[in-house]
Each structure stands twice: as structure tokens, then as C-alpha cells.
């Protein structure tokens, strides 16, 4: 039996749930939270990873600038930085000399305390890698930041004053400065390419034409300076020479440790004479240029050093280069690059007792000039003179300066050509010359040391050697700790990059 049909059941209508409204957060609270997180992260990074510093002084010039003027030479248009650290400094315009042509930069304004500072630029702003030295030991020639182990009493600065210098001595080593170079445990210390690129100091750049005069001396018309080109016009057999004679106000063809960054410290004035800039003859010199390879003829590059005449002789026909010293052959090689016609870049330099000819950025031939016997003689003479000075001081007697180790007397650049060629982009640089002039002496010594570096300590030097207060002098000052060393626990980190000013953004080497 079929029952009655069931009524369709209809579901009772359900009410739609209204979505809950999210509570609006307080924007002030959210901003404060974000700010706190950012500050915490910044503090962590600053404390353990990277920290920013400002360079106030020029002890590391030209690698790093402190407070300075930007100067343009009125004679050649060369632009360079002139160190200036107000309010304790004073600019004397008639003593500001262009490093390229030697002209006095009379356009620099005089400055006295309280006057405005036109054209003044602040120091480089750098980032320092603080974590690197946690994982490896520092390397020689690192630019490094550390807590100053000494503070002069009259400075009234806090103990935790930070310095930046170049690390040149490692724990346990015995270090000497001999005729401007660093010697460690009796061995000359040569700088790696990256560091050396910052330590070549400008002497001359042909790309800046002089309004008055020029620095090249030749006989007849074998060579001529035509704008930004130095041209060999061909000779009637044999070599025709042209000699670099230096800028205005300089003595002959001698290259000295002048710094465009420093005022002209060669002026004997007790108020401004620093630690000896411009007083030392530098023989570590580089000459570089571009040359269009001729099919024949010879080109000879000569670097003078007292009685020695170091040469790179290039024969274009045989495509061969030979290094000689005062007529004695040292080394020779073929130059396969010259098989390709066109323009090539040549560099010839004497650096840290190494003689090198490079073609298109690659070393073609080199010769090691380091002489351990000569070093031992120089070191012995330097040490004996230091002992003599101490004895005479204790006895209140006058010392005999003829006992001191002499510096170099001559240096320079000559170019010889047998045939025609054209040199462009010609530049001359000199290496840093480490000086030593303890107070109250007026002349620099050409030997300093020996310094026996304790374990867990480092020896620091500034690139602007005449004006840097560093491990050479800390022990001579009235200090709180009386030490020449940078203890390992004072290290902050390795200088990484210049991040400001925009024109100087680059890695630091």
C-alpha cells in the first residue's frame, strides 16, 4: 500500500554572517615598530659587520682625502686636492705649489681663524669591514682602522680616537725604513698591485698643457712637444735624447717626494715645516705612455739613480726589449705584442728594487735589483748613527751628521730615439717615500729602526709619510701608553670603499 506523499521539507533560511571588521592599527605604533626594527638592524650591522667613518685629516693622502680644498692650477689646469683642517690649519697661498708644473696656485684664498672657507671640501666618507679580521689575520699593506694606542696629552681627545693607516708590519717581525723603503727581517717588502696603484704619486701629465714653458730639454730639433704629444722627429744616426727637467721652482731633473696635497713644505719656516716633504730624492719612478709602433728604429727609456742608469731598450724592427744598468745587460725578451701594428701602452719603472718593462698592462721583462750586501751596509750605518746620536745627546755634545746614511742625490727620466715615433698620454709617477724626522731635528733621516714588533701587535704607516703621525713617532710623543704598536685588540676592521663624494666612489686598496 502506498502511503500519502511526503511533504517536501524546506530548509529554514540561514542568516549570512557579517564579516568581522579588522581593527585598524594605530599608524603611529606601526611606524614606531618599523623604526625600532630598522634601528636594531642598523646597530647590529654597525656593531658587527660594517661601520661608516669620515676621514678628517690627510695622513693617508692621496689614497684618502681629509678636509681639503679643490685647487685648479692657473698655469696648466691640473686639478688636485690641497689638505686643510680648520680651525687649526692656515693656508698660505704663495706656498701652494702645483705638483704637475710647479706653478704657485695664487688662486687659493688666504684663510685665518674665523674667516669663511671658500672652496672647502670635507673628508672622504668610507665603509669599514668589521667582520673580516674575525676570520683571517690582517695582510701587509691593508688600509686598516684601529683605536689609536696613543693620544698626546695636549690633544684632550678621548682615548678611543680611531685612526686609519696602512698596515706594514706583522707580529714578531723586525722592521726598518731604508732610503724610503720598508725592509722586514732583512728583505725588501714589495707592494701588491692593488695597493701600489694607490701609492703611485703624480709627477707629470702631458695631457695638461702649460701656459708658460714646458719641462723637456733637448738639443736641436730631434724632439718636439706638440700640444699633448712628444714627438721624435728622427735622428741622423744614433740616439737623440730628451730629458725631463721638472716643474717650476724645482732643481734640475731631480724627482723629489713632493705632495700636491701638502703645502710647499720645502720652505724652511719653523711655523709650517712638516716632517720633510720635498726634501728627499725619490728613485722609484715610473714613466708610461702610448706609442704607435713604427716599423723600424729604437726607443730607449732611461731612469737615473745616482751613478746608475737603468734603461729599457726597445728595437722595433726585431721586436725585442733589453734591460740594462749602466751599459750592462740584465735581461731581454721578445715583444710579440709588437707584431700587431697599432698603438701600444708602455710602462717602464723601478720599484722596490725591481726593474720592470710592461706592454699593454702585462709585464714583458723584469730584473731584481735587491742587493742584500748593500742593505747590510746601509742598515749597519743607520744603526751606528742612531747610537751615535743617543750618546751625543746623553753627553750634551754636538753630533756628527756625516756619519748618517745618505739619501739619493739624483733621479730623473730621459727618453732616447733613433728614428721617428710619437708618444701620447705620457705620465711620470713616483713611489711613496717613507721618511723619518724625529723632533727636534730639521732634516729627515734615511734610515729608521729597527723596530721589533711584539706578538699580537702591528706596525702602521700613513701614505702621506711626511705628514702622518704613526708608528714611527708615537713613541717620541708625550703619550699615555708610550708604544709604537697597534695591539690586535685595537683593530676595528679593513677599509672597504669610499661611498661619498660621488666623484671618488671606489674600492679602497
Protein backbone atom coordinates (compact mmCIF):
# COMPACT_ATOMS: atom_id res chain seq x y z
CA UNK A 1 0.00 0.00 0.00
CA UNK A 2 1.29 3.25 -0.97
CA UNK A 3 1.10 5.93 1.66
CA UNK A 4 0.42 9.59 1.13
CA UNK A 5 3.20 11.62 -0.47
CA UNK A 6 5.57 13.24 1.98
CA UNK A 7 5.63 16.91 2.06
CA UNK A 8 8.80 18.42 0.79
CA UNK A 9 10.86 19.62 3.58
CA UNK A 10 12.27 23.04 3.05
CA UNK A 11 15.34 24.13 4.93
CA UNK A 12 14.90 27.03 7.19
CA UNK A 13 16.65 30.07 5.79
CA UNK A 14 20.01 30.79 7.47
CA UNK A 15 21.29 34.25 8.24
CA UNK A 16 24.51 35.29 6.44
CA UNK A 17 27.32 36.04 8.86
CA UNK A 18 28.65 39.51 8.51
CA UNK A 19 32.47 39.60 8.16
CA UNK A 20 34.21 40.98 11.16
CA UNK A 21 35.75 44.32 10.64
CA UNK A 22 39.51 44.34 11.19
CA UNK A 23 40.60 46.71 13.78
CA UNK A 24 42.63 49.47 12.28
CA UNK A 25 46.07 49.60 13.84
CA UNK A 26 47.45 52.79 15.16
CA UNK A 27 49.72 54.13 12.38
CA UNK A 28 51.98 55.76 14.95
CA UNK A 29 52.55 52.41 16.65
CA UNK A 30 53.29 50.67 13.34
CA UNK A 31 55.76 53.36 12.33
CA UNK A 32 57.49 53.18 15.68
CA UNK A 33 57.73 49.36 15.41
CA UNK A 34 59.28 49.64 11.93
CA UNK A 35 61.67 52.29 13.15
CA UNK A 36 62.73 50.21 16.15
CA UNK A 37 63.38 47.17 13.92
CA UNK A 38 65.40 49.31 11.49
CA UNK A 39 67.43 50.82 14.33
CA UNK A 40 68.13 47.40 15.85
CA UNK A 41 69.24 46.01 12.48
CA UNK A 42 71.40 49.08 11.86
CA UNK A 43 73.02 48.72 15.28
CA UNK A 44 73.72 45.04 14.66
CA UNK A 45 75.27 45.79 11.27
CA UNK A 46 77.24 48.74 12.66
CA UNK A 47 78.49 46.78 15.65
CA UNK A 48 79.45 43.54 13.95
CA UNK A 49 79.61 43.96 10.14
CA UNK A 50 80.12 47.41 8.56
CA UNK A 51 80.58 50.87 10.02
CA UNK A 52 80.87 54.28 8.36
CA UNK A 53 83.71 56.69 9.16
CA UNK A 54 84.71 60.17 7.99
CA UNK A 55 88.37 60.90 7.21
CA UNK A 56 89.28 64.21 8.95
CA UNK A 57 92.99 64.55 8.07
CA UNK A 58 95.31 63.85 5.15
CA UNK A 59 97.68 61.27 6.65
CA UNK A 60 96.53 58.74 4.01
CA UNK A 61 96.57 61.10 1.02
CA UNK A 62 96.48 60.53 -1.86
CA UNK A 63 94.65 57.26 -1.17
CA UNK A 64 92.14 59.00 1.10
CA UNK A 65 91.40 62.71 1.43
CA UNK A 66 90.73 64.51 4.67
CA UNK A 67 89.35 68.05 4.82
CA UNK A 68 90.72 69.80 1.75
CA UNK A 69 90.44 72.45 -0.93
CA UNK A 70 89.93 71.50 -4.57
CA UNK A 71 92.56 73.50 -6.46
CA UNK A 72 92.96 74.12 -10.19
CA UNK A 73 96.42 75.23 -11.30
CA UNK A 74 96.35 78.59 -13.13
CA UNK A 75 99.25 77.55 -15.39
CA UNK A 76 98.40 74.02 -16.57
CA UNK A 77 94.82 73.44 -15.39
CA UNK A 78 95.80 70.40 -13.32
CA UNK A 79 93.28 69.71 -10.56
CA UNK A 80 94.43 68.45 -7.19
CA UNK A 81 93.40 68.36 -3.55
CA UNK A 82 95.12 70.58 -1.00
CA UNK A 83 94.89 69.37 2.58
CA UNK A 84 93.29 71.74 5.06
CA UNK A 85 91.98 71.01 8.53
CA UNK A 86 90.30 74.07 10.11
CA UNK A 87 90.36 75.69 12.56
CA UNK A 88 93.90 74.62 13.45
CA UNK A 89 95.32 74.99 9.94
CA UNK A 90 96.26 78.01 7.92
CA UNK A 91 96.58 78.32 4.15
CA UNK A 92 99.42 80.44 2.77
CA UNK A 93 98.59 80.91 -0.95
CA UNK A 94 102.11 81.80 -2.08
CA UNK A 95 103.31 78.45 -0.75
CA UNK A 96 100.78 76.25 -2.58
CA UNK A 97 102.63 74.64 -5.49
CA UNK A 98 101.14 72.60 -8.37
CA UNK A 99 102.63 69.11 -8.35
CA UNK A 100 102.36 68.88 -12.15
CA UNK A 101 104.04 72.10 -13.34
CA UNK A 102 105.35 73.69 -10.14
CA UNK A 103 103.39 76.93 -10.55
CA UNK A 104 102.19 78.68 -7.42
CA UNK A 105 98.41 78.41 -7.08
CA UNK A 106 97.77 82.05 -6.22
CA UNK A 107 94.05 81.47 -6.76
CA UNK A 108 93.82 79.71 -3.38
CA UNK A 109 92.24 82.12 -0.88
CA UNK A 110 94.03 83.08 2.30
CA UNK A 111 92.46 81.72 5.45
CA UNK A 112 92.63 82.92 9.02
CA UNK A 113 90.74 81.65 12.03
CA UNK A 114 87.15 82.85 11.97
CA UNK A 115 87.09 83.61 8.24
CA UNK A 116 84.72 81.84 5.81
CA UNK A 117 86.19 78.86 3.99
CA UNK A 118 85.54 79.20 0.23
CA UNK A 119 86.04 76.08 -1.89
CA UNK A 120 86.43 73.84 1.14
CA UNK A 121 85.51 70.14 0.84
CA UNK A 122 85.08 67.63 3.65
CA UNK A 123 86.94 64.37 4.08
CA UNK A 124 86.17 61.09 2.34
CA UNK A 125 83.38 59.01 3.84
CA UNK A 126 84.25 55.34 3.98
CA UNK A 127 82.78 51.99 4.99
CA UNK A 128 84.87 49.63 7.11
CA UNK A 129 84.53 45.84 7.07
CA UNK A 130 84.50 44.95 10.78
CA UNK A 131 83.95 41.21 10.42
CA UNK A 132 86.84 40.31 8.08
CA UNK A 133 89.55 40.17 10.74
CA UNK A 134 87.38 37.83 12.81
CA UNK A 135 88.01 35.12 10.22
CA UNK A 136 91.53 35.85 8.98
CA UNK A 137 94.66 37.68 10.03
CA UNK A 138 95.33 41.13 8.53
CA UNK A 139 97.58 41.27 5.47
CA UNK A 140 100.54 43.54 4.97
CA UNK A 141 99.59 46.75 3.07
CA UNK A 142 95.94 46.57 4.20
CA UNK A 143 94.40 50.02 4.83
CA UNK A 144 93.00 49.37 8.31
CA UNK A 145 91.10 51.22 11.01
CA UNK A 146 92.01 50.88 14.68
CA UNK A 147 91.69 52.50 18.06
CA UNK A 148 94.66 54.82 18.48
CA UNK A 149 97.02 53.27 21.04
CA UNK A 150 98.43 56.69 21.93
CA UNK A 151 96.89 60.09 22.46
CA UNK A 152 99.04 63.14 23.07
CA UNK A 153 98.28 64.75 26.39
CA UNK A 154 97.72 68.21 24.91
CA UNK A 155 95.11 66.94 22.44
CA UNK A 156 92.46 66.34 25.12
CA UNK A 157 90.82 63.78 22.90
CA UNK A 158 89.12 60.67 24.27
CA UNK A 159 91.21 57.54 24.40
CA UNK A 160 89.04 55.82 21.81
CA UNK A 161 90.14 58.01 18.92
CA UNK A 162 90.14 56.00 15.69
CA UNK A 163 92.91 56.17 13.10
CA UNK A 164 93.27 54.81 9.58
CA UNK A 165 96.73 53.87 8.29
CA UNK A 166 98.36 51.22 6.14
CA UNK A 167 99.47 48.04 7.89
CA UNK A 168 103.14 47.37 7.04
CA UNK A 169 104.50 45.30 9.95
CA UNK A 170 103.18 41.99 11.30
CA UNK A 171 103.61 40.37 14.74
CA UNK A 172 107.12 39.13 15.54
CA UNK A 173 108.84 40.91 12.64
CA UNK A 174 111.79 43.30 12.73
CA UNK A 175 111.09 46.32 10.55
CA UNK A 176 113.38 49.03 9.16
CA UNK A 177 112.91 52.00 6.85
CA UNK A 178 115.88 52.22 4.48
CA UNK A 179 116.08 55.01 1.92
CA UNK A 180 112.32 55.34 1.74
CA UNK A 181 111.52 51.61 1.51
CA UNK A 182 110.22 49.08 4.03
CA UNK A 183 112.56 46.22 4.91
CA UNK A 184 111.36 43.34 7.10
CA UNK A 185 113.76 40.76 8.56
CA UNK A 186 116.39 41.85 6.03
CA UNK A 187 114.14 41.52 2.96
CA UNK A 188 112.67 44.32 0.84
CA UNK A 189 108.86 44.41 1.02
CA UNK A 190 107.18 44.86 -2.36
CA UNK A 191 103.65 46.13 -2.54
CA UNK A 192 100.87 44.17 -4.30
CA UNK A 193 99.49 45.72 -7.49
CA UNK A 194 96.22 46.92 -5.93
CA UNK A 195 97.99 48.76 -3.10
CA UNK A 196 100.69 50.11 -5.42
CA UNK A 197 98.05 51.60 -7.72
CA UNK A 198 97.14 53.98 -4.86
CA UNK A 199 100.77 54.70 -3.92
CA UNK A 200 101.98 56.00 -7.29
CA UNK A 201 102.19 59.76 -6.75
CA UNK A 202 101.76 62.08 -9.77
CA UNK A 203 104.80 63.98 -11.03
CA UNK A 204 103.90 65.00 -14.59
CA UNK A 205 100.98 64.55 -17.01
CA UNK A 206 101.40 65.69 -20.62
CA UNK A 207 97.61 65.97 -21.01
CA UNK A 208 97.72 69.25 -19.05
CA UNK A 209 99.38 71.81 -21.31
CA UNK A 210 101.40 74.54 -19.63
CA UNK A 211 100.58 78.15 -20.42
CA UNK A 212 104.20 79.08 -19.80
CA UNK A 213 107.16 76.85 -20.59
CA UNK A 214 107.47 73.06 -20.53
CA UNK A 215 109.69 70.57 -18.67
CA UNK A 216 111.53 68.92 -21.60
CA UNK A 217 115.11 69.69 -22.61
CA UNK A 218 116.62 68.52 -25.89
CA UNK A 219 119.36 69.53 -28.30
CA UNK A 220 118.47 70.70 -31.79
CA UNK A 221 115.11 69.70 -33.19
CA UNK A 222 115.33 65.94 -32.68
CA UNK A 223 112.37 66.08 -30.26
CA UNK A 224 109.46 68.48 -30.07
CA UNK A 225 106.49 68.98 -27.77
CA UNK A 226 103.42 69.43 -29.96
CA UNK A 227 100.43 70.06 -27.75
CA UNK A 228 99.83 66.82 -25.88
CA UNK A 229 102.32 64.82 -27.94
CA UNK A 230 106.06 64.32 -27.51
CA UNK A 231 107.43 63.65 -30.99
CA UNK A 232 110.78 62.20 -32.04
CA UNK A 233 111.49 63.68 -35.47
CA UNK A 234 114.21 61.22 -36.46
CA UNK A 235 117.95 61.47 -35.92
CA UNK A 236 120.94 61.48 -38.20
CA UNK A 237 122.23 58.22 -36.80
CA UNK A 238 122.50 57.39 -33.11
CA UNK A 239 120.17 58.24 -30.27
CA UNK A 240 118.66 61.69 -29.78
CA UNK A 241 117.75 62.41 -26.17
CA UNK A 242 115.10 64.46 -24.39
CA UNK A 243 115.29 64.96 -20.60
CA UNK A 244 112.55 65.70 -18.08
CA UNK A 245 113.67 68.80 -16.15
CA UNK A 246 110.89 69.08 -13.57
CA UNK A 247 108.40 71.82 -12.83
CA UNK A 248 108.91 75.46 -12.00
CA UNK A 249 110.86 76.15 -8.85
CA UNK A 250 112.43 72.68 -8.81
CA UNK A 251 116.12 71.96 -9.06
CA UNK A 252 117.03 70.38 -12.40
CA UNK A 253 115.98 66.88 -13.31
CA UNK A 254 115.71 65.59 -9.73
CA UNK A 255 112.41 64.00 -8.68
CA UNK A 256 111.55 64.57 -5.02
CA UNK A 257 108.82 63.43 -2.65
CA UNK A 258 106.57 66.42 -3.30
CA UNK A 259 102.90 66.13 -2.41
CA UNK A 260 100.35 68.35 -4.10
CA UNK A 261 98.15 67.59 -1.10
CA UNK A 262 100.60 69.25 1.30
CA UNK A 263 101.63 72.87 1.23
CA UNK A 264 105.10 73.57 -0.12
CA UNK A 265 106.99 72.22 2.88
CA UNK A 266 110.39 72.75 1.27
CA UNK A 267 110.24 76.33 2.56
CA UNK A 268 112.37 76.41 5.70
CA UNK A 269 109.86 78.02 8.02
CA UNK A 270 109.60 76.75 11.56
CA UNK A 271 105.89 77.52 11.70
CA UNK A 272 104.94 75.35 8.74
CA UNK A 273 107.77 72.92 8.04
CA UNK A 274 106.36 69.42 8.44
CA UNK A 275 108.29 66.19 8.59
CA UNK A 276 110.23 66.64 5.36
CA UNK A 277 108.05 66.67 2.23
CA UNK A 278 110.02 67.64 -0.86
CA UNK A 279 113.37 67.14 0.88
CA UNK A 280 114.04 63.58 -0.30
CA UNK A 281 115.17 62.44 -3.75
CA UNK A 282 113.00 59.56 -5.00
CA UNK A 283 114.42 56.97 -7.39
CA UNK A 284 111.40 54.64 -7.54
CA UNK A 285 109.88 56.20 -10.65
CA UNK A 286 107.52 55.14 -13.46
CA UNK A 287 107.22 56.58 -16.96
CA UNK A 288 104.25 55.47 -19.07
CA UNK A 289 102.85 56.44 -22.47
CA UNK A 290 101.09 55.25 -25.62
CA UNK A 291 103.15 54.74 -28.78
CA UNK A 292 102.15 53.80 -32.29
CA UNK A 293 104.52 51.02 -33.27
CA UNK A 294 106.87 52.13 -36.06
CA UNK A 295 108.33 49.52 -38.39
CA UNK A 296 111.93 50.37 -37.55
CA UNK A 297 114.13 52.35 -35.21
CA UNK A 298 114.83 52.23 -31.48
CA UNK A 299 113.31 53.77 -28.37
CA UNK A 300 115.28 53.91 -25.12
CA UNK A 301 113.72 54.69 -21.73
CA UNK A 302 116.18 55.77 -19.04
CA UNK A 303 115.68 56.08 -15.26
CA UNK A 304 118.57 57.75 -13.45
CA UNK A 305 119.65 56.83 -9.92
CA UNK A 306 122.89 58.38 -8.63
CA UNK A 307 125.64 56.61 -10.60
CA UNK A 308 123.28 54.05 -12.16
CA UNK A 309 121.48 54.48 -15.49
CA UNK A 310 118.69 51.89 -15.78
CA UNK A 311 117.39 51.50 -19.31
CA UNK A 312 114.78 49.65 -21.32
CA UNK A 313 115.97 49.49 -24.93
CA UNK A 314 113.26 48.63 -27.47
CA UNK A 315 114.15 47.62 -31.03
CA UNK A 316 111.03 47.96 -33.15
CA UNK A 317 112.46 46.09 -36.15
CA UNK A 318 113.37 42.93 -34.21
CA UNK A 319 110.52 43.42 -31.71
CA UNK A 320 112.87 42.87 -28.80
CA UNK A 321 113.38 44.63 -25.43
CA UNK A 322 116.53 44.65 -23.29
CA UNK A 323 117.03 45.88 -19.73
CA UNK A 324 120.46 47.32 -18.92
CA UNK A 325 122.16 49.05 -16.00
CA UNK A 326 124.97 51.44 -16.87
CA UNK A 327 125.65 49.52 -20.08
CA UNK A 328 125.49 46.04 -18.52
CA UNK A 329 122.77 43.78 -19.90
CA UNK A 330 120.40 42.47 -17.23
CA UNK A 331 117.60 40.71 -19.13
CA UNK A 332 115.95 40.65 -22.55
CA UNK A 333 112.82 39.29 -24.21
CA UNK A 334 110.84 39.29 -27.43
CA UNK A 335 107.78 41.52 -27.71
CA UNK A 336 105.17 39.51 -29.63
CA UNK A 337 102.59 42.24 -28.99
CA UNK A 338 104.51 44.49 -31.39
CA UNK A 339 103.78 42.11 -34.27
CA UNK A 340 100.34 43.73 -34.32
CA UNK A 341 100.51 47.17 -35.85
CA UNK A 342 98.76 49.84 -33.85
CA UNK A 343 99.08 51.74 -30.60
CA UNK A 344 100.52 50.07 -27.50
CA UNK A 345 100.80 51.21 -23.89
CA UNK A 346 104.30 51.02 -22.38
CA UNK A 347 105.34 51.33 -18.75
CA UNK A 348 108.91 51.33 -17.50
CA UNK A 349 109.54 51.58 -13.79
CA UNK A 350 111.97 50.94 -10.99
CA UNK A 351 110.07 50.00 -7.84
CA UNK A 352 111.23 48.45 -4.57
CA UNK A 353 114.46 47.30 -6.26
CA UNK A 354 112.63 45.70 -9.17
CA UNK A 355 113.13 46.94 -12.75
CA UNK A 356 110.11 46.28 -15.00
CA UNK A 357 109.03 46.91 -18.58
CA UNK A 358 105.31 46.29 -19.17
CA UNK A 359 103.47 46.26 -22.50
CA UNK A 360 99.69 46.70 -22.63
CA UNK A 361 99.40 46.05 -18.89
CA UNK A 362 101.44 42.83 -18.88
CA UNK A 363 104.99 42.54 -17.56
CA UNK A 364 107.22 41.77 -20.51
CA UNK A 365 110.61 41.64 -18.77
CA UNK A 366 111.91 42.39 -15.27
CA UNK A 367 115.06 42.19 -13.17
CA UNK A 368 115.56 42.00 -9.40
CA UNK A 369 117.98 44.72 -8.19
CA UNK A 370 117.84 43.89 -4.48
CA UNK A 371 121.36 43.58 -3.05
CA UNK A 372 121.49 42.01 0.45
CA UNK A 373 125.11 43.10 0.93
CA UNK A 374 124.32 46.75 0.18
CA UNK A 375 121.34 46.55 2.54
CA UNK A 376 123.54 45.23 5.36
CA UNK A 377 125.97 48.12 4.89
CA UNK A 378 123.14 50.67 4.92
CA UNK A 379 121.48 49.09 7.94
CA UNK A 380 124.72 48.97 9.92
CA UNK A 381 125.48 52.60 9.14
CA UNK A 382 121.97 53.68 10.06
CA UNK A 383 122.04 51.83 13.39
CA UNK A 384 125.50 53.15 14.25
CA UNK A 385 124.37 56.72 13.59
CA UNK A 386 121.31 56.28 15.82
CA UNK A 387 123.60 55.03 18.61
CA UNK A 388 125.93 57.98 18.00
CA UNK A 389 123.02 60.45 18.29
CA UNK A 390 121.95 58.93 21.62
CA UNK A 391 125.48 59.05 23.01
CA UNK A 392 126.00 62.67 21.98
CA UNK A 393 122.62 63.63 23.46
CA UNK A 394 123.50 61.99 26.78
CA UNK A 395 126.87 63.77 26.80
CA UNK A 396 125.33 67.10 25.69
CA UNK A 397 127.72 67.19 22.75
CA UNK A 398 127.17 68.01 19.08
CA UNK A 399 126.68 65.01 16.84
CA UNK A 400 128.49 64.33 13.55
CA UNK A 401 125.88 64.22 10.75
CA UNK A 402 128.45 62.91 8.25
CA UNK A 403 128.06 59.53 9.94
CA UNK A 404 124.41 59.27 8.85
CA UNK A 405 123.23 57.12 5.95
CA UNK A 406 122.97 59.33 2.89
CA UNK A 407 119.88 59.56 0.74
CA UNK A 408 119.87 59.52 -3.03
CA UNK A 409 121.35 62.53 -4.81
CA UNK A 410 119.96 62.23 -8.35
CA UNK A 411 116.99 60.74 -10.13
CA UNK A 412 115.21 61.51 -13.35
CA UNK A 413 113.75 60.42 -16.68
CA UNK A 414 115.31 60.55 -20.15
CA UNK A 415 113.97 59.29 -23.47
CA UNK A 416 116.12 58.44 -26.47
CA UNK A 417 115.04 57.70 -30.04
CA UNK A 418 116.79 56.54 -33.17
CA UNK A 419 114.09 57.14 -35.75
CA UNK A 420 110.63 58.68 -35.67
CA UNK A 421 107.88 57.98 -33.15
CA UNK A 422 105.10 59.78 -31.33
CA UNK A 423 104.34 59.47 -27.61
CA UNK A 424 100.92 60.39 -26.22
CA UNK A 425 99.29 60.17 -22.79
CA UNK A 426 102.77 60.43 -21.28
CA UNK A 427 102.87 60.43 -17.47
CA UNK A 428 105.54 60.26 -14.78
CA UNK A 429 104.82 58.94 -11.28
CA UNK A 430 106.96 58.31 -8.22
CA UNK A 431 106.51 55.84 -5.39
CA UNK A 432 105.76 56.76 -1.78
CA UNK A 433 108.96 57.62 0.11
CA UNK A 434 108.75 56.78 3.81
CA UNK A 435 110.54 59.46 5.81
CA UNK A 436 111.78 59.70 9.38
CA UNK A 437 112.35 63.06 11.06
CA UNK A 438 112.17 62.84 14.85
CA UNK A 439 111.74 66.05 16.78
CA UNK A 440 113.51 68.45 17.11
CA UNK A 441 115.62 67.56 14.06
CA UNK A 442 115.17 69.71 10.94
CA UNK A 443 116.34 67.20 8.34
CA UNK A 444 114.92 63.74 7.67
CA UNK A 445 116.98 60.62 8.22
CA UNK A 446 117.23 57.98 5.51
CA UNK A 447 117.31 55.13 7.99
CA UNK A 448 114.89 54.37 10.82
CA UNK A 449 114.61 51.38 13.11
CA UNK A 450 114.97 48.63 13.82
CA UNK A 451 111.56 48.10 15.38
CA UNK A 452 110.99 44.65 16.88
CA UNK A 453 107.21 44.20 16.71
CA UNK A 454 105.76 42.27 19.67
CA UNK A 455 103.42 39.34 19.21
CA UNK A 456 99.76 40.33 18.71
CA UNK A 457 100.82 43.80 17.55
CA UNK A 458 101.09 45.60 14.20
CA UNK A 459 103.12 48.47 12.72
CA UNK A 460 101.24 51.26 10.91
CA UNK A 461 102.37 53.91 8.39
CA UNK A 462 100.44 56.65 6.61
CA UNK A 463 100.63 57.05 2.82
CA UNK A 464 101.29 60.80 3.25
CA UNK A 465 104.51 59.96 5.03
CA UNK A 466 105.82 63.48 5.80
CA UNK A 467 102.57 64.49 7.50
CA UNK A 468 101.43 61.24 9.12
CA UNK A 469 101.61 60.64 12.86
CA UNK A 470 102.01 56.87 13.08
CA UNK A 471 104.15 54.05 14.48
CA UNK A 472 107.36 55.91 13.63
CA UNK A 473 106.59 58.74 16.06
CA UNK A 474 104.12 57.57 18.68
CA UNK A 475 106.94 56.59 20.99
CA UNK A 476 108.51 60.04 20.62
CA UNK A 477 105.39 61.87 21.76
CA UNK A 478 104.16 62.62 25.26
CA UNK A 479 101.73 59.71 25.34
CA UNK A 480 99.70 57.79 27.85
CA UNK A 481 100.96 54.35 26.80
CA UNK A 482 104.34 55.09 25.18
CA UNK A 483 104.15 52.42 22.48
CA UNK A 484 104.73 52.31 18.73
CA UNK A 485 102.47 49.34 18.13
CA UNK A 486 98.82 48.75 17.31
CA UNK A 487 97.67 45.90 19.60
CA UNK A 488 95.49 43.26 17.98
CA UNK A 489 92.60 44.05 20.32
CA UNK A 490 92.60 47.64 18.99
CA UNK A 491 91.75 46.59 15.42
CA UNK A 492 88.35 47.70 14.12
CA UNK A 493 88.48 46.46 10.53
CA UNK A 494 89.67 46.89 6.97
CA UNK A 495 88.71 49.96 4.95
CA UNK A 496 86.37 48.76 2.22
CA UNK A 497 85.02 51.53 0.00
CA UNK A 498 84.70 55.30 -0.38
CA UNK A 499 80.95 55.83 -0.59
CA UNK A 500 80.97 59.61 -0.75
CA UNK A 501 81.83 62.03 -2.55
CA UNK A 502 80.28 60.75 -5.86
CA UNK A 503 83.40 61.59 -7.88
CA UNK A 504 85.54 59.47 -5.57
CA UNK A 505 83.36 56.37 -5.08
CA UNK A 506 85.69 53.37 -5.39
CA UNK A 507 87.15 50.40 -3.56
CA UNK A 508 89.97 51.16 -1.13
CA UNK A 509 93.27 49.33 -1.66
